[in-house]
Amino acid sequence: MESDEYFGMKAGKVWESLCKGTKTLTQIQKATGLTLRDTSMGLGWLAREGKVHPENAKSKNVRFKLIG
């Protein structure tokens, strides 16, 4: 499996979850069935592409939403 495919699949699951609304990292993890590590990789991919934004970044309960 190519690295783009490996990370892209995780990002796709995270993106699908966020299409249904803003969520915390834990909520995304539960909705996707991904591990914490894989959820974080997916979020990182989307953030690098400028597709996700953290809300209340200084809070313990950071929520992520899709942008664009």
C-alpha atoms as a PDB file:
ATOM      1  CA  MET A   1       0.000   0.000   0.000  1.00  0.00           C
ATOM      2  CA  GLU A   2       1.326   3.427  -0.940  1.00  0.00           C
ATOM      3  CA  SER A   3       1.728   6.016   1.831  1.00  0.00           C
ATOM      4  CA  ASP A   4      -0.793   8.359   0.155  1.00  0.00           C
ATOM      5  CA  GLU A   5      -3.360   5.578   0.181  1.00  0.00           C
ATOM      6  CA  TYR A   6      -2.512   4.595   3.786  1.00  0.00           C
ATOM      7  CA  PHE A   7      -2.943   8.106   5.169  1.00  0.00           C
ATOM      8  CA  GLY A   8      -5.669   9.077   2.726  1.00  0.00           C
ATOM      9  CA  MET A   9      -7.965   6.272   3.893  1.00  0.00           C
ATOM     10  CA  LYS A  10      -7.698   7.487   7.484  1.00  0.00           C
ATOM     11  CA  ALA A  11      -8.269  11.092   6.439  1.00  0.00           C
ATOM     12  CA  GLY A  12     -11.313  10.016   4.441  1.00  0.00           C
ATOM     13  CA  LYS A  13     -12.915   8.384   7.469  1.00  0.00           C
ATOM     14  CA  VAL A  14     -12.221  11.462   9.606  1.00  0.00           C
ATOM     15  CA  TRP A  15     -13.599  13.737   6.872  1.00  0.00           C
ATOM     16  CA  GLU A  16     -16.802  11.666   6.611  1.00  0.00           C
ATOM     17  CA  SER A  17     -17.258  11.912  10.368  1.00  0.00           C
ATOM     18  CA  LEU A  18     -16.762  15.687  10.356  1.00  0.00           C
ATOM     19  CA  CYS A  19     -19.254  16.079   7.496  1.00  0.00           C
ATOM     20  CA  LYS A  20     -21.879  15.268  10.118  1.00  0.00           C
ATOM     21  CA  GLY A  21     -20.741  18.128  12.381  1.00  0.00           C
ATOM     22  CA  THR A  22     -18.029  19.461  14.644  1.00  0.00           C
ATOM     23  CA  LYS A  23     -16.478  16.836  16.931  1.00  0.00           C
ATOM     24  CA  THR A  24     -13.773  16.324  19.542  1.00  0.00           C
ATOM     25  CA  LEU A  25     -10.890  13.948  18.887  1.00  0.00           C
ATOM     26  CA  THR A  26     -12.571  11.284  21.023  1.00  0.00           C
ATOM     27  CA  GLN A  27     -15.875  11.692  19.196  1.00  0.00           C
ATOM     28  CA  ILE A  28     -14.132  11.352  15.829  1.00  0.00           C
ATOM     29  CA  GLN A  29     -12.322   8.257  17.051  1.00  0.00           C
ATOM     30  CA  LYS A  30     -15.563   6.631  18.209  1.00  0.00           C
ATOM     31  CA  ALA A  31     -17.435   7.584  15.032  1.00  0.00           C
ATOM     32  CA  THR A  32     -14.749   6.205  12.722  1.00  0.00           C
ATOM     33  CA  GLY A  33     -13.600   3.172  14.687  1.00  0.00           C
ATOM     34  CA  LEU A  34      -9.997   4.298  14.160  1.00  0.00           C
ATOM     35  CA  THR A  35      -7.350   4.162  16.860  1.00  0.00           C
ATOM     36  CA  LEU A  36      -6.280   7.415  18.495  1.00  0.00           C
ATOM     37  CA  ARG A  37      -3.077   7.302  16.454  1.00  0.00           C
ATOM     38  CA  ASP A  38      -4.899   6.768  13.158  1.00  0.00           C
ATOM     39  CA  THR A  39      -7.467   9.450  13.989  1.00  0.00           C
ATOM     40  CA  SER A  40      -4.651  11.898  14.677  1.00  0.00           C
ATOM     41  CA  MET A  41      -2.967  10.960  11.391  1.00  0.00           C
ATOM     42  CA  GLY A  42      -6.209  11.586   9.536  1.00  0.00           C
ATOM     43  CA  LEU A  43      -6.684  14.951  11.208  1.00  0.00           C
ATOM     44  CA  GLY A  44      -3.092  15.896  10.411  1.00  0.00           C
ATOM     45  CA  TRP A  45      -3.589  15.032   6.749  1.00  0.00           C
ATOM     46  CA  LEU A  46      -6.749  17.149   6.579  1.00  0.00           C
ATOM     47  CA  ALA A  47      -5.093  20.018   8.443  1.00  0.00           C
ATOM     48  CA  ARG A  48      -2.151  19.980   6.039  1.00  0.00           C
ATOM     49  CA  GLU A  49      -4.618  20.226   3.151  1.00  0.00           C
ATOM     50  CA  GLY A  50      -6.368  23.149   4.863  1.00  0.00           C
ATOM     51  CA  LYS A  51      -9.634  21.245   5.240  1.00  0.00           C
ATOM     52  CA  VAL A  52     -10.031  21.159   9.010  1.00  0.00           C
ATOM     53  CA  HIS A  53      -9.880  23.803  11.721  1.00  0.00           C
ATOM     54  CA  PRO A  54      -9.673  23.456  15.519  1.00  0.00           C
ATOM     55  CA  GLU A  55     -12.159  25.406  17.628  1.00  0.00           C
ATOM     56  CA  ASN A  56     -11.249  26.398  21.201  1.00  0.00           C
ATOM     57  CA  ALA A  57      -7.668  25.260  20.585  1.00  0.00           C
ATOM     58  CA  LYS A  58      -6.589  26.410  24.060  1.00  0.00           C
ATOM     59  CA  SER A  59      -9.282  24.350  25.752  1.00  0.00           C
ATOM     60  CA  LYS A  60      -9.098  20.711  26.842  1.00  0.00           C
ATOM     61  CA  ASN A  61     -12.123  20.036  24.657  1.00  0.00           C
ATOM     62  CA  VAL A  62     -10.792  21.058  21.272  1.00  0.00           C
ATOM     63  CA  ARG A  63     -13.411  20.501  18.590  1.00  0.00           C
ATOM     64  CA  PHE A  64     -12.615  20.092  14.920  1.00  0.00           C
ATOM     65  CA  LYS A  65     -14.688  21.285  11.986  1.00  0.00           C
ATOM     66  CA  LEU A  66     -14.362  21.136   8.238  1.00  0.00           C
ATOM     67  CA  ILE A  67     -13.647  24.355   6.391  1.00  0.00           C
ATOM     68  CA  GLY A  68     -13.923  25.347   2.789  1.00  0.00           C
END
